[in-house]
Amino acid sequence: MRLAPAARRRRGLNLTPMIDVVFLLLVFFMLVSRFGQLDGVPLALAGGAAPGWSGAPRLVDVRPEGLSLNGTALDEAALIADLRRLMPAPDAPVVLRPQDGADVQRLVAVIDLLRAAGITHVLMAE
């Protein structure tokens, strides 16, 4: 007498490896993420009426190939020296105007250069 083959049970899908992968991805992204404040360039924003301008114009054009002060091309060292001659006071404002093609990194480098030279009042023009 032959016995009928035992009915095979259909096994369900095993979700354990998928859950392991999800937890590994979660741990990975938690470890590589940065939580906290990113470093940035502090800018003082002011609204309302602008203070009166005194002294000679101090317009620094930030170009992709270099800098210019009041339309005259200069290197970084000469820029600081010429700005100091034009400033009536140490806290006098300097206007930065980025030109087409100048990237943000170049603009930030000029702001850092001015800040290192002690020029703290920087205005930005379009």
PDB file of N, CA and C in Angstrom:
ATOM      1  N   MET A   1       0.819  -1.152   0.000  1.00  0.00           N
ATOM      2  CA  MET A   1       0.000   0.000   0.000  1.00  0.00           C
ATOM      3  C   MET A   1       0.880   1.238   0.000  1.00  0.00           C
ATOM      4  N   ARG A   2       0.498   2.065  -0.873  1.00  0.00           N
ATOM      5  CA  ARG A   2       1.270   3.295  -1.024  1.00  0.00           C
ATOM      6  C   ARG A   2       0.598   4.425  -0.268  1.00  0.00           C
ATOM      7  N   LEU A   3       1.430   5.150   0.435  1.00  0.00           N
ATOM      8  CA  LEU A   3       0.872   6.274   1.180  1.00  0.00           C
ATOM      9  C   LEU A   3       0.934   7.532   0.320  1.00  0.00           C
ATOM     10  N   ALA A   4      -0.048   8.339   0.481  1.00  0.00           N
ATOM     11  CA  ALA A   4      -0.077   9.596  -0.278  1.00  0.00           C
ATOM     12  C   ALA A   4       1.042  10.499   0.223  1.00  0.00           C
ATOM     13  N   PRO A   5       1.690  11.187  -0.716  1.00  0.00           N
ATOM     14  CA  PRO A   5       2.767  12.069  -0.266  1.00  0.00           C
ATOM     15  C   PRO A   5       2.229  13.113   0.715  1.00  0.00           C
ATOM     16  N   ALA A   6       3.049  13.389   1.658  1.00  0.00           N
ATOM     17  CA  ALA A   6       2.649  14.377   2.671  1.00  0.00           C
ATOM     18  C   ALA A   6       2.451  15.736   2.016  1.00  0.00           C
ATOM     19  N   ALA A   7       1.396  16.368   2.403  1.00  0.00           N
ATOM     20  CA  ALA A   7       1.103  17.685   1.837  1.00  0.00           C
ATOM     21  C   ALA A   7       2.203  18.658   2.258  1.00  0.00           C
ATOM     22  N   ARG A   8       2.737  19.267   1.267  1.00  0.00           N
ATOM     23  CA  ARG A   8       3.801  20.228   1.562  1.00  0.00           C
ATOM     24  C   ARG A   8       3.189  21.525   2.054  1.00  0.00           C
ATOM     25  N   ARG A   9       3.800  22.005   3.085  1.00  0.00           N
ATOM     26  CA  ARG A   9       3.357  23.291   3.595  1.00  0.00           C
ATOM     27  C   ARG A   9       4.098  24.388   2.863  1.00  0.00           C
ATOM     28  N   ARG A  10       3.365  25.368   2.523  1.00  0.00           N
ATOM     29  CA  ARG A  10       3.989  26.497   1.851  1.00  0.00           C
ATOM     30  C   ARG A  10       4.548  27.430   2.923  1.00  0.00           C
ATOM     31  N   ARG A  11       5.827  27.673   2.807  1.00  0.00           N
ATOM     32  CA  ARG A  11       6.479  28.518   3.804  1.00  0.00           C
ATOM     33  C   ARG A  11       6.324  29.975   3.403  1.00  0.00           C
ATOM     34  N   GLY A  12       6.134  30.832   4.379  1.00  0.00           N
ATOM     35  CA  GLY A  12       6.023  32.263   4.127  1.00  0.00           C
ATOM     36  C   GLY A  12       7.392  32.875   3.861  1.00  0.00           C
ATOM     37  N   LEU A  13       7.372  34.097   3.390  1.00  0.00           N
ATOM     38  CA  LEU A  13       8.601  34.811   3.080  1.00  0.00           C
ATOM     39  C   LEU A  13       9.303  35.189   4.377  1.00  0.00           C
ATOM     40  N   ASN A  14      10.582  34.932   4.469  1.00  0.00           N
ATOM     41  CA  ASN A  14      11.359  35.245   5.656  1.00  0.00           C
ATOM     42  C   ASN A  14      11.786  36.713   5.589  1.00  0.00           C
ATOM     43  N   LEU A  15      11.319  37.520   6.520  1.00  0.00           N
ATOM     44  CA  LEU A  15      11.594  38.964   6.523  1.00  0.00           C
ATOM     45  C   LEU A  15      12.806  39.342   7.370  1.00  0.00           C
ATOM     46  N   THR A  16      13.402  38.403   8.045  1.00  0.00           N
ATOM     47  CA  THR A  16      14.516  38.710   8.939  1.00  0.00           C
ATOM     48  C   THR A  16      15.692  39.357   8.206  1.00  0.00           C
ATOM     49  N   PRO A  17      16.153  38.860   7.048  1.00  0.00           N
ATOM     50  CA  PRO A  17      17.271  39.539   6.370  1.00  0.00           C
ATOM     51  C   PRO A  17      16.929  40.969   5.927  1.00  0.00           C
ATOM     52  N   MET A  18      15.689  41.184   5.511  1.00  0.00           N
ATOM     53  CA  MET A  18      15.302  42.529   5.099  1.00  0.00           C
ATOM     54  C   MET A  18      15.312  43.486   6.294  1.00  0.00           C
ATOM     55  N   ILE A  19      14.852  43.029   7.440  1.00  0.00           N
ATOM     56  CA  ILE A  19      14.854  43.865   8.642  1.00  0.00           C
ATOM     57  C   ILE A  19      16.293  44.164   9.060  1.00  0.00           C
ATOM     58  N   ASP A  20      17.171  43.182   8.942  1.00  0.00           N
ATOM     59  CA  ASP A  20      18.587  43.405   9.262  1.00  0.00           C
ATOM     60  C   ASP A  20      19.195  44.476   8.363  1.00  0.00           C
ATOM     61  N   VAL A  21      18.898  44.428   7.083  1.00  0.00           N
ATOM     62  CA  VAL A  21      19.431  45.422   6.146  1.00  0.00           C
ATOM     63  C   VAL A  21      18.899  46.810   6.483  1.00  0.00           C
ATOM     64  N   VAL A  22      17.627  46.924   6.809  1.00  0.00           N
ATOM     65  CA  VAL A  22      17.048  48.230   7.163  1.00  0.00           C
ATOM     66  C   VAL A  22      17.721  48.792   8.404  1.00  0.00           C
ATOM     67  N   PHE A  23      17.953  47.965   9.408  1.00  0.00           N
ATOM     68  CA  PHE A  23      18.619  48.448  10.617  1.00  0.00           C
ATOM     69  C   PHE A  23      20.069  48.830  10.344  1.00  0.00           C
ATOM     70  N   LEU A  24      20.757  48.076   9.500  1.00  0.00           N
ATOM     71  CA  LEU A  24      22.122  48.446   9.147  1.00  0.00           C
ATOM     72  C   LEU A  24      22.167  49.786   8.419  1.00  0.00           C
ATOM     73  N   LEU A  25      21.213  50.011   7.510  1.00  0.00           N
ATOM     74  CA  LEU A  25      21.156  51.307   6.821  1.00  0.00           C
ATOM     75  C   LEU A  25      20.849  52.432   7.805  1.00  0.00           C
ATOM     76  N   LEU A  26      19.961  52.180   8.740  1.00  0.00           N
ATOM     77  CA  LEU A  26      19.635  53.192   9.745  1.00  0.00           C
ATOM     78  C   LEU A  26      20.861  53.552  10.575  1.00  0.00           C
ATOM     79  N   VAL A  27      21.602  52.555  11.022  1.00  0.00           N
ATOM     80  CA  VAL A  27      22.817  52.807  11.809  1.00  0.00           C
ATOM     81  C   VAL A  27      23.856  53.539  10.969  1.00  0.00           C
ATOM     82  N   PHE A  28      24.006  53.140   9.702  1.00  0.00           N
ATOM     83  CA  PHE A  28      24.972  53.799   8.828  1.00  0.00           C
ATOM     84  C   PHE A  28      24.656  55.284   8.675  1.00  0.00           C
ATOM     85  N   PHE A  29      23.401  55.614   8.368  1.00  0.00           N
ATOM     86  CA  PHE A  29      23.057  57.023   8.164  1.00  0.00           C
ATOM     87  C   PHE A  29      23.109  57.816   9.461  1.00  0.00           C
ATOM     88  N   MET A  30      22.879  57.177  10.586  1.00  0.00           N
ATOM     89  CA  MET A  30      23.020  57.888  11.855  1.00  0.00           C
ATOM     90  C   MET A  30      24.484  58.205  12.143  1.00  0.00           C
ATOM     91  N   LEU A  31      25.384  57.312  11.748  1.00  0.00           N
ATOM     92  CA  LEU A  31      26.802  57.543  12.010  1.00  0.00           C
ATOM     93  C   LEU A  31      27.420  58.567  11.074  1.00  0.00           C
ATOM     94  N   VAL A  32      26.974  58.632   9.833  1.00  0.00           N
ATOM     95  CA  VAL A  32      27.596  59.555   8.888  1.00  0.00           C
ATOM     96  C   VAL A  32      26.913  60.919   8.867  1.00  0.00           C
ATOM     97  N   SER A  33      25.780  61.062   9.523  1.00  0.00           N
ATOM     98  CA  SER A  33      25.091  62.349   9.544  1.00  0.00           C
ATOM     99  C   SER A  33      25.770  63.294  10.516  1.00  0.00           C
ATOM    100  N   ARG A  34      25.687  64.566  10.200  1.00  0.00           N
ATOM    101  CA  ARG A  34      26.219  65.591  11.095  1.00  0.00           C
ATOM    102  C   ARG A  34      25.056  66.242  11.801  1.00  0.00           C
ATOM    103  N   PHE A  35      25.057  66.162  13.084  1.00  0.00           N
ATOM    104  CA  PHE A  35      24.042  66.821  13.876  1.00  0.00           C
ATOM    105  C   PHE A  35      24.690  68.025  14.532  1.00  0.00           C
ATOM    106  N   GLY A  36      24.060  69.152  14.428  1.00  0.00           N
ATOM    107  CA  GLY A  36      24.617  70.343  15.044  1.00  0.00           C
ATOM    108  C   GLY A  36      24.678  71.482  14.056  1.00  0.00           C
ATOM    109  N   GLN A  37      25.231  72.567  14.502  1.00  0.00           N
ATOM    110  CA  GLN A  37      25.310  73.788  13.717  1.00  0.00           C
ATOM    111  C   GLN A  37      26.481  73.729  12.754  1.00  0.00           C
ATOM    112  N   LEU A  38      26.230  74.056  11.508  1.00  0.00           N
ATOM    113  CA  LEU A  38      27.303  74.148  10.525  1.00  0.00           C
ATOM    114  C   LEU A  38      27.970  75.509  10.644  1.00  0.00           C
ATOM    115  N   ASP A  39      29.260  75.552  10.337  1.00  0.00           N
ATOM    116  CA  ASP A  39      29.972  76.822  10.365  1.00  0.00           C
ATOM    117  C   ASP A  39      29.511  77.680   9.202  1.00  0.00           C
ATOM    118  N   GLY A  40      29.398  78.955   9.446  1.00  0.00           N
ATOM    119  CA  GLY A  40      28.966  79.863   8.403  1.00  0.00           C
ATOM    120  C   GLY A  40      29.640  81.208   8.557  1.00  0.00           C
ATOM    121  N   VAL A  41      29.318  82.085   7.670  1.00  0.00           N
ATOM    122  CA  VAL A  41      29.852  83.436   7.714  1.00  0.00           C
ATOM    123  C   VAL A  41      28.814  84.315   8.392  1.00  0.00           C
ATOM    124  N   PRO A  42      29.135  84.897   9.536  1.00  0.00           N
ATOM    125  CA  PRO A  42      28.162  85.759  10.191  1.00  0.00           C
ATOM    126  C   PRO A  42      28.000  87.068   9.413  1.00  0.00           C
ATOM    127  N   LEU A  43      26.773  87.399   9.112  1.00  0.00           N
ATOM    128  CA  LEU A  43      26.477  88.641   8.414  1.00  0.00           C
ATOM    129  C   LEU A  43      25.523  89.461   9.266  1.00  0.00           C
ATOM    130  N   ALA A  44      25.812  90.724   9.394  1.00  0.00           N
ATOM    131  CA  ALA A  44      24.923  91.620  10.117  1.00  0.00           C
ATOM    132  C   ALA A  44      23.906  92.171   9.131  1.00  0.00           C
ATOM    133  N   LEU A  45      22.653  91.900   9.395  1.00  0.00           N
ATOM    134  CA  LEU A  45      21.594  92.377   8.520  1.00  0.00           C
ATOM    135  C   LEU A  45      20.929  93.577   9.170  1.00  0.00           C
ATOM    136  N   ALA A  46      20.792  94.627   8.418  1.00  0.00           N
ATOM    137  CA  ALA A  46      20.183  95.843   8.938  1.00  0.00           C
ATOM    138  C   ALA A  46      19.101  96.296   7.973  1.00  0.00           C
ATOM    139  N   GLY A  47      18.056  96.800   8.509  1.00  0.00           N
ATOM    140  CA  GLY A  47      16.980  97.309   7.673  1.00  0.00           C
ATOM    141  C   GLY A  47      16.746  98.774   7.976  1.00  0.00           C
ATOM    142  N   GLY A  48      15.893  99.394   7.205  1.00  0.00           N
ATOM    143  CA  GLY A  48      15.574 100.789   7.435  1.00  0.00           C
ATOM    144  C   GLY A  48      16.512 101.708   6.694  1.00  0.00           C
ATOM    145  N   ALA A  49      16.627 102.913   7.201  1.00  0.00           N
ATOM    146  CA  ALA A  49      17.449 103.930   6.547  1.00  0.00           C
ATOM    147  C   ALA A  49      18.926 103.625   6.721  1.00  0.00           C
ATOM    148  N   ALA A  50      19.669 103.795   5.657  1.00  0.00           N
ATOM    149  CA  ALA A  50      21.110 103.555   5.704  1.00  0.00           C
ATOM    150  C   ALA A  50      21.798 104.761   6.337  1.00  0.00           C
ATOM    151  N   PRO A  51      22.894 104.529   7.069  1.00  0.00           N
ATOM    152  CA  PRO A  51      23.617 105.658   7.649  1.00  0.00           C
ATOM    153  C   PRO A  51      24.273 106.483   6.546  1.00  0.00           C
ATOM    154  N   GLY A  52      24.581 107.724   6.858  1.00  0.00           N
ATOM    155  CA  GLY A  52      25.203 108.604   5.876  1.00  0.00           C
ATOM    156  C   GLY A  52      26.583 108.126   5.480  1.00  0.00           C
ATOM    157  N   TRP A  53      26.878 108.260   4.209  1.00  0.00           N
ATOM    158  CA  TRP A  53      28.184 107.839   3.685  1.00  0.00           C
ATOM    159  C   TRP A  53      29.161 108.973   3.871  1.00  0.00           C
ATOM    160  N   SER A  54      30.363 108.662   4.317  1.00  0.00           N
ATOM    161  CA  SER A  54      31.373 109.702   4.455  1.00  0.00           C
ATOM    162  C   SER A  54      32.664 109.209   3.818  1.00  0.00           C
ATOM    163  N   GLY A  55      33.388 110.112   3.226  1.00  0.00           N
ATOM    164  CA  GLY A  55      34.676 109.780   2.628  1.00  0.00           C
ATOM    165  C   GLY A  55      34.547 109.364   1.177  1.00  0.00           C
ATOM    166  N   ALA A  56      35.656 108.893   0.651  1.00  0.00           N
ATOM    167  CA  ALA A  56      35.725 108.483  -0.754  1.00  0.00           C
ATOM    168  C   ALA A  56      34.932 107.188  -0.973  1.00  0.00           C
ATOM    169  N   PRO A  57      34.541 106.914  -2.210  1.00  0.00           N
ATOM    170  CA  PRO A  57      33.845 105.643  -2.469  1.00  0.00           C
ATOM    171  C   PRO A  57      34.785 104.456  -2.250  1.00  0.00           C
ATOM    172  N   ARG A  58      34.222 103.393  -1.722  1.00  0.00           N
ATOM    173  CA  ARG A  58      34.984 102.169  -1.454  1.00  0.00           C
ATOM    174  C   ARG A  58      34.192 100.992  -2.008  1.00  0.00           C
ATOM    175  N   LEU A  59      34.228 100.836  -3.321  1.00  0.00           N
ATOM    176  CA  LEU A  59      33.491  99.786  -4.008  1.00  0.00           C
ATOM    177  C   LEU A  59      34.474  98.724  -4.485  1.00  0.00           C
ATOM    178  N   VAL A  60      34.351  97.525  -3.929  1.00  0.00           N
ATOM    179  CA  VAL A  60      35.234  96.411  -4.288  1.00  0.00           C
ATOM    180  C   VAL A  60      34.443  95.463  -5.188  1.00  0.00           C
ATOM    181  N   ASP A  61      34.897  95.328  -6.436  1.00  0.00           N
ATOM    182  CA  ASP A  61      34.288  94.383  -7.365  1.00  0.00           C
ATOM    183  C   ASP A  61      35.012  93.049  -7.247  1.00  0.00           C
ATOM    184  N   VAL A  62      34.248  91.998  -6.988  1.00  0.00           N
ATOM    185  CA  VAL A  62      34.803  90.648  -6.897  1.00  0.00           C
ATOM    186  C   VAL A  62      34.545  89.974  -8.240  1.00  0.00           C
ATOM    187  N   ARG A  63      35.617  89.777  -8.987  1.00  0.00           N
ATOM    188  CA  ARG A  63      35.537  89.175 -10.321  1.00  0.00           C
ATOM    189  C   ARG A  63      36.141  87.777 -10.274  1.00  0.00           C
ATOM    190  N   PRO A  64      35.828  86.941 -11.270  1.00  0.00           N
ATOM    191  CA  PRO A  64      36.436  85.592 -11.269  1.00  0.00           C
ATOM    192  C   PRO A  64      37.953  85.625 -11.406  1.00  0.00           C
ATOM    193  N   GLU A  65      38.476  86.636 -12.108  1.00  0.00           N
ATOM    194  CA  GLU A  65      39.920  86.677 -12.336  1.00  0.00           C
ATOM    195  C   GLU A  65      40.663  87.563 -11.341  1.00  0.00           C
ATOM    196  N   GLY A  66      39.969  88.302 -10.512  1.00  0.00           N
ATOM    197  CA  GLY A  66      40.661  89.160  -9.555  1.00  0.00           C
ATOM    198  C   GLY A  66      39.718  90.134  -8.877  1.00  0.00           C
ATOM    199  N   LEU A  67      40.317  91.137  -8.246  1.00  0.00           N
ATOM    200  CA  LEU A  67      39.568  92.153  -7.514  1.00  0.00           C
ATOM    201  C   LEU A  67      39.832  93.514  -8.122  1.00  0.00           C
ATOM    202  N   SER A  68      38.890  94.417  -7.933  1.00  0.00           N
ATOM    203  CA  SER A  68      39.122  95.801  -8.338  1.00  0.00           C
ATOM    204  C   SER A  68      38.502  96.720  -7.299  1.00  0.00           C
ATOM    205  N   LEU A  69      39.166  97.830  -7.063  1.00  0.00           N
ATOM    206  CA  LEU A  69      38.700  98.848  -6.130  1.00  0.00           C
ATOM    207  C   LEU A  69      38.373 100.094  -6.924  1.00  0.00           C
ATOM    208  N   ASN A  70      37.110 100.477  -6.921  1.00  0.00           N
ATOM    209  CA  ASN A  70      36.623 101.642  -7.662  1.00  0.00           C
ATOM    210  C   ASN A  70      37.016 101.568  -9.143  1.00  0.00           C
ATOM    211  N   GLY A  71      36.979 100.356  -9.709  1.00  0.00           N
ATOM    212  CA  GLY A  71      37.264 100.176 -11.129  1.00  0.00           C
ATOM    213  C   GLY A  71      38.717  99.905 -11.465  1.00  0.00           C
ATOM    214  N   THR A  72      39.623  99.964 -10.503  1.00  0.00           N
ATOM    215  CA  THR A  72      41.045  99.717 -10.742  1.00  0.00           C
ATOM    216  C   THR A  72      41.401  98.317 -10.249  1.00  0.00           C
ATOM    217  N   ALA A  73      41.952  97.488 -11.124  1.00  0.00           N
ATOM    218  CA  ALA A  73      42.309  96.116 -10.754  1.00  0.00           C
ATOM    219  C   ALA A  73      43.467  96.119  -9.764  1.00  0.00           C
ATOM    220  N   LEU A  74      43.333  95.303  -8.722  1.00  0.00           N
ATOM    221  CA  LEU A  74      44.347  95.203  -7.667  1.00  0.00           C
ATOM    222  C   LEU A  74      44.497  93.760  -7.227  1.00  0.00           C
ATOM    223  N   ASP A  75      45.630  93.448  -6.589  1.00  0.00           N
ATOM    224  CA  ASP A  75      45.739  92.152  -5.935  1.00  0.00           C
ATOM    225  C   ASP A  75      45.281  92.319  -4.491  1.00  0.00           C
ATOM    226  N   GLU A  76      45.254  91.220  -3.747  1.00  0.00           N
ATOM    227  CA  GLU A  76      44.677  91.259  -2.403  1.00  0.00           C
ATOM    228  C   GLU A  76      45.469  92.140  -1.441  1.00  0.00           C
ATOM    229  N   ALA A  77      46.784  92.110  -1.498  1.00  0.00           N
ATOM    230  CA  ALA A  77      47.593  92.915  -0.586  1.00  0.00           C
ATOM    231  C   ALA A  77      47.423  94.404  -0.869  1.00  0.00           C
ATOM    232  N   ALA A  78      47.406  94.766  -2.141  1.00  0.00           N
ATOM    233  CA  ALA A  78      47.229  96.180  -2.506  1.00  0.00           C
ATOM    234  C   ALA A  78      45.818  96.652  -2.187  1.00  0.00           C
ATOM    235  N   LEU A  79      44.851  95.759  -2.248  1.00  0.00           N
ATOM    236  CA  LEU A  79      43.470  96.134  -1.928  1.00  0.00           C
ATOM    237  C   LEU A  79      43.356  96.630  -0.500  1.00  0.00           C
ATOM    238  N   ILE A  80      43.945  95.918   0.432  1.00  0.00           N
ATOM    239  CA  ILE A  80      43.860  96.316   1.842  1.00  0.00           C
ATOM    240  C   ILE A  80      44.566  97.645   2.064  1.00  0.00           C
ATOM    241  N   ALA A  81      45.736  97.819   1.474  1.00  0.00           N
ATOM    242  CA  ALA A  81      46.474  99.074   1.651  1.00  0.00           C
ATOM    243  C   ALA A  81      45.702 100.250   1.064  1.00  0.00           C
ATOM    244  N   ASP A  82      45.129 100.089  -0.125  1.00  0.00           N
ATOM    245  CA  ASP A  82      44.371 101.179  -0.745  1.00  0.00           C
ATOM    246  C   ASP A  82      43.074 101.462   0.002  1.00  0.00           C
ATOM    247  N   LEU A  83      42.434 100.419   0.530  1.00  0.00           N
ATOM    248  CA  LEU A  83      41.214 100.634   1.312  1.00  0.00           C
ATOM    249  C   LEU A  83      41.506 101.429   2.576  1.00  0.00           C
ATOM    250  N   ARG A  84      42.606 101.139   3.225  1.00  0.00           N
ATOM    251  CA  ARG A  84      42.958 101.869   4.455  1.00  0.00           C
ATOM    252  C   ARG A  84      43.158 103.362   4.179  1.00  0.00           C
ATOM    253  N   ARG A  85      43.724 103.694   3.007  1.00  0.00           N
ATOM    254  CA  ARG A  85      43.908 105.112   2.671  1.00  0.00           C
ATOM    255  C   ARG A  85      42.571 105.807   2.411  1.00  0.00           C
ATOM    256  N   LEU A  86      41.592 105.066   1.886  1.00  0.00           N
ATOM    257  CA  LEU A  86      40.302 105.668   1.541  1.00  0.00           C
ATOM    258  C   LEU A  86      39.335 105.749   2.711  1.00  0.00           C
ATOM    259  N   MET A  87      39.608 105.045   3.786  1.00  0.00           N
ATOM    260  CA  MET A  87      38.656 104.976   4.899  1.00  0.00           C
ATOM    261  C   MET A  87      38.879 106.130   5.873  1.00  0.00           C
ATOM    262  N   PRO A  88      37.831 106.932   6.122  1.00  0.00           N
ATOM    263  CA  PRO A  88      37.975 108.027   7.084  1.00  0.00           C
ATOM    264  C   PRO A  88      38.021 107.538   8.533  1.00  0.00           C
ATOM    265  N   ALA A  89      37.435 106.369   8.795  1.00  0.00           N
ATOM    266  CA  ALA A  89      37.425 105.795  10.142  1.00  0.00           C
ATOM    267  C   ALA A  89      37.561 104.277  10.017  1.00  0.00           C
ATOM    268  N   PRO A  90      38.053 103.612  11.060  1.00  0.00           N
ATOM    269  CA  PRO A  90      38.213 102.156  10.967  1.00  0.00           C
ATOM    270  C   PRO A  90      36.901 101.396  10.774  1.00  0.00           C
ATOM    271  N   ASP A  91      35.778 101.981  11.212  1.00  0.00           N
ATOM    272  CA  ASP A  91      34.496 101.295  11.064  1.00  0.00           C
ATOM    273  C   ASP A  91      33.697 101.789   9.856  1.00  0.00           C
ATOM    274  N   ALA A  92      34.355 102.469   8.931  1.00  0.00           N
ATOM    275  CA  ALA A  92      33.674 102.949   7.722  1.00  0.00           C
ATOM    276  C   ALA A  92      33.269 101.758   6.849  1.00  0.00           C
ATOM    277  N   PRO A  93      32.124 101.838   6.180  1.00  0.00           N
ATOM    278  CA  PRO A  93      31.654 100.702   5.383  1.00  0.00           C
ATOM    279  C   PRO A  93      32.420 100.538   4.069  1.00  0.00           C
ATOM    280  N   VAL A  94      32.510  99.292   3.636  1.00  0.00           N
ATOM    281  CA  VAL A  94      33.087  98.931   2.353  1.00  0.00           C
ATOM    282  C   VAL A  94      32.008  98.154   1.593  1.00  0.00           C
ATOM    283  N   VAL A  95      31.802  98.492   0.328  1.00  0.00           N
ATOM    284  CA  VAL A  95      30.767  97.852  -0.478  1.00  0.00           C
ATOM    285  C   VAL A  95      31.403  96.775  -1.349  1.00  0.00           C
ATOM    286  N   LEU A  96      30.896  95.549  -1.245  1.00  0.00           N
ATOM    287  CA  LEU A  96      31.321  94.435  -2.099  1.00  0.00           C
ATOM    288  C   LEU A  96      30.274  94.223  -3.178  1.00  0.00           C
ATOM    289  N   ARG A  97      30.736  94.063  -4.418  1.00  0.00           N
ATOM    290  CA  ARG A  97      29.819  93.814  -5.530  1.00  0.00           C
ATOM    291  C   ARG A  97      30.349  92.623  -6.332  1.00  0.00           C
ATOM    292  N   PRO A  98      29.736  91.437  -6.166  1.00  0.00           N
ATOM    293  CA  PRO A  98      30.177  90.290  -6.960  1.00  0.00           C
ATOM    294  C   PRO A  98      29.757  90.452  -8.418  1.00  0.00           C
ATOM    295  N   GLN A  99      30.654  90.173  -9.332  1.00  0.00           N
ATOM    296  CA  GLN A  99      30.379  90.271 -10.761  1.00  0.00           C
ATOM    297  C   GLN A  99      29.988  88.901 -11.303  1.00  0.00           C
ATOM    298  N   ASP A 100      29.471  88.873 -12.525  1.00  0.00           N
ATOM    299  CA  ASP A 100      29.081  87.614 -13.156  1.00  0.00           C
ATOM    300  C   ASP A 100      30.281  86.683 -13.258  1.00  0.00           C
ATOM    301  N   GLY A 101      30.078  85.451 -12.885  1.00  0.00           N
ATOM    302  CA  GLY A 101      31.138  84.451 -12.969  1.00  0.00           C
ATOM    303  C   GLY A 101      31.916  84.269 -11.676  1.00  0.00           C
ATOM    304  N   ALA A 102      31.794  85.190 -10.738  1.00  0.00           N
ATOM    305  CA  ALA A 102      32.498  85.046  -9.459  1.00  0.00           C
ATOM    306  C   ALA A 102      31.709  84.071  -8.587  1.00  0.00           C
ATOM    307  N   ASP A 103      32.389  83.062  -8.064  1.00  0.00           N
ATOM    308  CA  ASP A 103      31.680  82.089  -7.250  1.00  0.00           C
ATOM    309  C   ASP A 103      31.611  82.543  -5.796  1.00  0.00           C
ATOM    310  N   VAL A 104      30.799  81.859  -5.036  1.00  0.00           N
ATOM    311  CA  VAL A 104      30.562  82.231  -3.645  1.00  0.00           C
ATOM    312  C   VAL A 104      31.828  82.043  -2.812  1.00  0.00           C
ATOM    313  N   GLN A 105      32.613  81.029  -3.124  1.00  0.00           N
ATOM    314  CA  GLN A 105      33.851  80.798  -2.371  1.00  0.00           C
ATOM    315  C   GLN A 105      34.797  81.985  -2.489  1.00  0.00           C
ATOM    316  N   ARG A 106      34.878  82.558  -3.661  1.00  0.00           N
ATOM    317  CA  ARG A 106      35.732  83.743  -3.865  1.00  0.00           C
ATOM    318  C   ARG A 106      35.213  84.916  -3.042  1.00  0.00           C
ATOM    319  N   LEU A 107      33.896  85.104  -3.017  1.00  0.00           N
ATOM    320  CA  LEU A 107      33.300  86.186  -2.241  1.00  0.00           C
ATOM    321  C   LEU A 107      33.565  85.999  -0.755  1.00  0.00           C
ATOM    322  N   VAL A 108      33.429  84.785  -0.259  1.00  0.00           N
ATOM    323  CA  VAL A 108      33.695  84.510   1.153  1.00  0.00           C
ATOM    324  C   VAL A 108      35.169  84.720   1.476  1.00  0.00           C
ATOM    325  N   ALA A 109      36.053  84.374   0.541  1.00  0.00           N
ATOM    326  CA  ALA A 109      37.490  84.600   0.765  1.00  0.00           C
ATOM    327  C   ALA A 109      37.796  86.092   0.886  1.00  0.00           C
ATOM    328  N   VAL A 110      37.124  86.922   0.085  1.00  0.00           N
ATOM    329  CA  VAL A 110      37.331  88.377   0.175  1.00  0.00           C
ATOM    330  C   VAL A 110      36.778  88.902   1.491  1.00  0.00           C
ATOM    331  N   ILE A 111      35.628  88.404   1.920  1.00  0.00           N
ATOM    332  CA  ILE A 111      35.071  88.828   3.215  1.00  0.00           C
ATOM    333  C   ILE A 111      36.026  88.444   4.339  1.00  0.00           C
ATOM    334  N   ASP A 112      36.579  87.231   4.289  1.00  0.00           N
ATOM    335  CA  ASP A 112      37.558  86.817   5.304  1.00  0.00           C
ATOM    336  C   ASP A 112      38.814  87.675   5.265  1.00  0.00           C
ATOM    337  N   LEU A 113      39.253  88.048   4.073  1.00  0.00           N
ATOM    338  CA  LEU A 113      40.427  88.914   3.922  1.00  0.00           C
ATOM    339  C   LEU A 113      40.165  90.285   4.566  1.00  0.00           C
ATOM    340  N   LEU A 114      38.998  90.847   4.310  1.00  0.00           N
ATOM    341  CA  LEU A 114      38.658  92.137   4.905  1.00  0.00           C
ATOM    342  C   LEU A 114      38.531  92.035   6.419  1.00  0.00           C
ATOM    343  N   ARG A 115      37.931  90.963   6.888  1.00  0.00           N
ATOM    344  CA  ARG A 115      37.775  90.785   8.331  1.00  0.00           C
ATOM    345  C   ARG A 115      39.137  90.618   9.003  1.00  0.00           C
ATOM    346  N   ALA A 116      40.054  89.893   8.368  1.00  0.00           N
ATOM    347  CA  ALA A 116      41.400  89.727   8.933  1.00  0.00           C
ATOM    348  C   ALA A 116      42.143  91.049   8.981  1.00  0.00           C
ATOM    349  N   ALA A 117      41.833  91.948   8.057  1.00  0.00           N
ATOM    350  CA  ALA A 117      42.477  93.268   8.026  1.00  0.00           C
ATOM    351  C   ALA A 117      41.825  94.243   9.007  1.00  0.00           C
ATOM    352  N   GLY A 118      40.769  93.823   9.692  1.00  0.00           N
ATOM    353  CA  GLY A 118      40.114  94.683  10.663  1.00  0.00           C
ATOM    354  C   GLY A 118      38.953  95.477  10.107  1.00  0.00           C
ATOM    355  N   ILE A 119      38.535  95.196   8.891  1.00  0.00           N
ATOM    356  CA  ILE A 119      37.388  95.888   8.301  1.00  0.00           C
ATOM    357  C   ILE A 119      36.152  95.050   8.599  1.00  0.00           C
ATOM    358  N   THR A 120      35.293  95.592   9.455  1.00  0.00           N
ATOM    359  CA  THR A 120      34.158  94.800   9.920  1.00  0.00           C
ATOM    360  C   THR A 120      32.831  95.235   9.324  1.00  0.00           C
ATOM    361  N   HIS A 121      32.749  96.424   8.773  1.00  0.00           N
ATOM    362  CA  HIS A 121      31.486  96.929   8.234  1.00  0.00           C
ATOM    363  C   HIS A 121      31.499  96.730   6.720  1.00  0.00           C
ATOM    364  N   VAL A 122      30.928  95.599   6.266  1.00  0.00           N
ATOM    365  CA  VAL A 122      30.929  95.243   4.859  1.00  0.00           C
ATOM    366  C   VAL A 122      29.493  95.210   4.373  1.00  0.00           C
ATOM    367  N   LEU A 123      29.232  95.898   3.277  1.00  0.00           N
ATOM    368  CA  LEU A 123      27.918  95.912   2.635  1.00  0.00           C
ATOM    369  C   LEU A 123      27.990  95.127   1.332  1.00  0.00           C
ATOM    370  N   MET A 124      26.876  94.523   0.935  1.00  0.00           N
ATOM    371  CA  MET A 124      26.843  93.749  -0.292  1.00  0.00           C
ATOM    372  C   MET A 124      25.873  94.413  -1.269  1.00  0.00           C
ATOM    373  N   ALA A 125      26.311  94.576  -2.504  1.00  0.00           N
ATOM    374  CA  ALA A 125      25.477  95.174  -3.556  1.00  0.00           C
ATOM    375  C   ALA A 125      25.298  94.149  -4.672  1.00  0.00           C
ATOM    376  N   GLU A 126      24.177  94.267  -5.332  1.00  0.00           N
ATOM    377  CA  GLU A 126      23.928  93.361  -6.468  1.00  0.00           C
ATOM    378  C   GLU A 126      24.566  93.864  -7.717  1.00  0.00           C
TER     379      GLU A 126
END
